Protein backbone atom coordinates (compact mmCIF):
# COMPACT_ATOMS: atom_id res chain seq x y z
CA MET A 1 115.98 99.77 102.16
CA GLU A 2 113.45 97.36 100.71
CA PRO A 3 110.97 95.99 103.28
CA ILE A 4 111.54 92.43 104.45
CA ASN A 5 108.49 90.20 103.91
CA LEU A 6 108.29 86.96 105.88
CA ASP A 7 105.62 84.31 105.28
CA PRO A 8 105.35 81.93 108.24
CA ARG A 9 103.37 78.71 107.89
CA TYR A 10 102.60 75.53 109.74
CA SER A 11 104.33 72.32 108.78
CA THR A 12 102.32 69.68 106.96
CA LYS A 13 103.24 66.23 105.69
CA GLU A 14 104.08 67.72 102.30
CA ILE A 15 105.50 71.14 103.19
CA PRO A 16 107.83 72.07 106.05
CA GLY A 17 106.82 75.32 107.74
CA LYS A 18 108.65 77.91 109.79
CA CYS A 19 107.56 80.30 112.50
CA ILE A 20 108.31 84.02 112.48
CA LYS A 21 111.26 83.68 114.84
CA CYS A 22 112.84 80.93 112.72
CA LEU A 23 112.40 82.95 109.53
CA VAL A 24 113.94 86.06 111.10
CA GLU A 25 116.87 84.05 112.47
CA GLN A 26 117.41 82.46 109.04
CA GLU A 27 117.43 85.88 107.34
CA LEU A 28 119.72 87.24 110.06
CA ASN A 29 122.21 84.42 109.43
CA ASN A 30 122.08 85.04 105.67
CA CYS A 31 122.83 88.74 106.22
CA LEU A 32 125.65 87.96 108.62
CA ARG A 33 127.30 85.60 106.14
CA GLU A 34 127.06 88.25 103.43
CA LEU A 35 128.50 90.92 105.70
CA LEU A 36 131.35 88.68 106.84
CA ARG A 37 132.37 88.03 103.24
CA GLY A 38 133.10 91.74 103.20
CA GLU A 39 133.59 91.85 99.45
CA SER A 40 132.12 95.32 99.33
CA GLU A 41 130.67 98.00 101.58
CA ASN A 42 127.00 97.09 101.71
CA LYS A 43 125.01 99.59 103.75
CA GLU A 44 121.68 98.11 102.72
CA MET A 45 122.71 94.66 103.98
CA GLN A 46 123.88 96.23 107.26
CA GLN A 47 120.55 98.03 107.62
CA ARG A 48 118.69 94.79 106.85
CA TYR A 49 120.73 93.02 109.53
CA ASP A 50 120.00 95.81 112.04
CA THR A 51 116.26 95.69 111.28
CA LEU A 52 116.10 91.91 111.79
CA LEU A 53 118.11 92.12 115.02
CA ALA A 54 115.95 94.97 116.32
CA PHE A 55 112.85 92.85 115.70
CA LEU A 56 114.23 89.88 117.65
CA LYS A 57 115.13 92.14 120.58
CA SER A 58 111.90 94.15 120.56
CA PRO A 59 109.11 93.59 123.09
CA GLU A 60 106.69 93.58 120.14
CA SER A 61 108.36 90.46 118.77
CA GLN A 62 106.62 88.05 121.13
CA LYS A 63 103.26 89.75 120.68
CA LEU A 64 103.51 89.52 116.88
CA ARG A 65 104.67 85.91 117.07
CA ASP A 66 101.69 84.99 119.26
CA GLU A 67 99.28 86.84 116.98
CA THR A 68 100.76 85.13 113.92
CA GLU A 69 100.35 81.69 115.48
CA LYS A 70 96.71 82.46 116.28
CA TYR A 71 95.93 83.43 112.67
CA LEU A 72 97.86 80.46 111.25
CA ALA A 73 95.85 78.13 113.53
CA GLU A 74 92.69 79.61 111.99
CA GLY A 75 94.02 78.66 108.55
CA ARG A 76 94.71 82.22 107.44
CA LYS A 77 97.72 83.40 105.42
CA VAL A 78 99.99 85.76 107.34
CA THR A 79 102.82 87.99 106.17
CA LEU A 80 105.08 90.00 108.47
CA ARG A 81 106.61 93.08 106.89
CA LEU A 82 109.71 94.55 108.54
CA SER A 83 110.98 97.94 107.48
CA PHE A 84 113.14 100.76 108.75
CA THR A 85 111.46 104.16 108.52
CA ASP A 86 112.74 107.48 109.88
CA GLY A 87 115.49 105.73 111.83
CA LYS A 88 113.07 103.37 113.55
CA PRO A 89 112.04 99.78 112.83
CA LYS A 90 108.43 99.28 111.76
CA TYR A 91 106.51 96.00 111.90
CA GLU A 92 103.27 95.26 110.01
CA LEU A 93 101.22 92.09 110.14
CA ASN A 94 99.10 91.41 107.03
CA ILE A 95 96.38 88.78 107.32
CA ASP A 96 94.46 87.29 104.36
């Protein structure tokens, strides 16, 4: 499965932003719609859905959300990378 990259940002007058939780929930809803269409057996979409859901339920979720907000407040660019490796979800925070 391809890693899921999420780029949270603060809202400004010109650009609406979204937090990590909102981005994950949006992706989760997109996956769910695709899965419910059921046009074909899509194991990658199911794995993507499972990875997103695991992130929302994980205890690390709140910690990463808080850390992301801190870096965004400092004006830094943040990317959260979600992946599924060796049967376990993996979360990486990249800060520029």
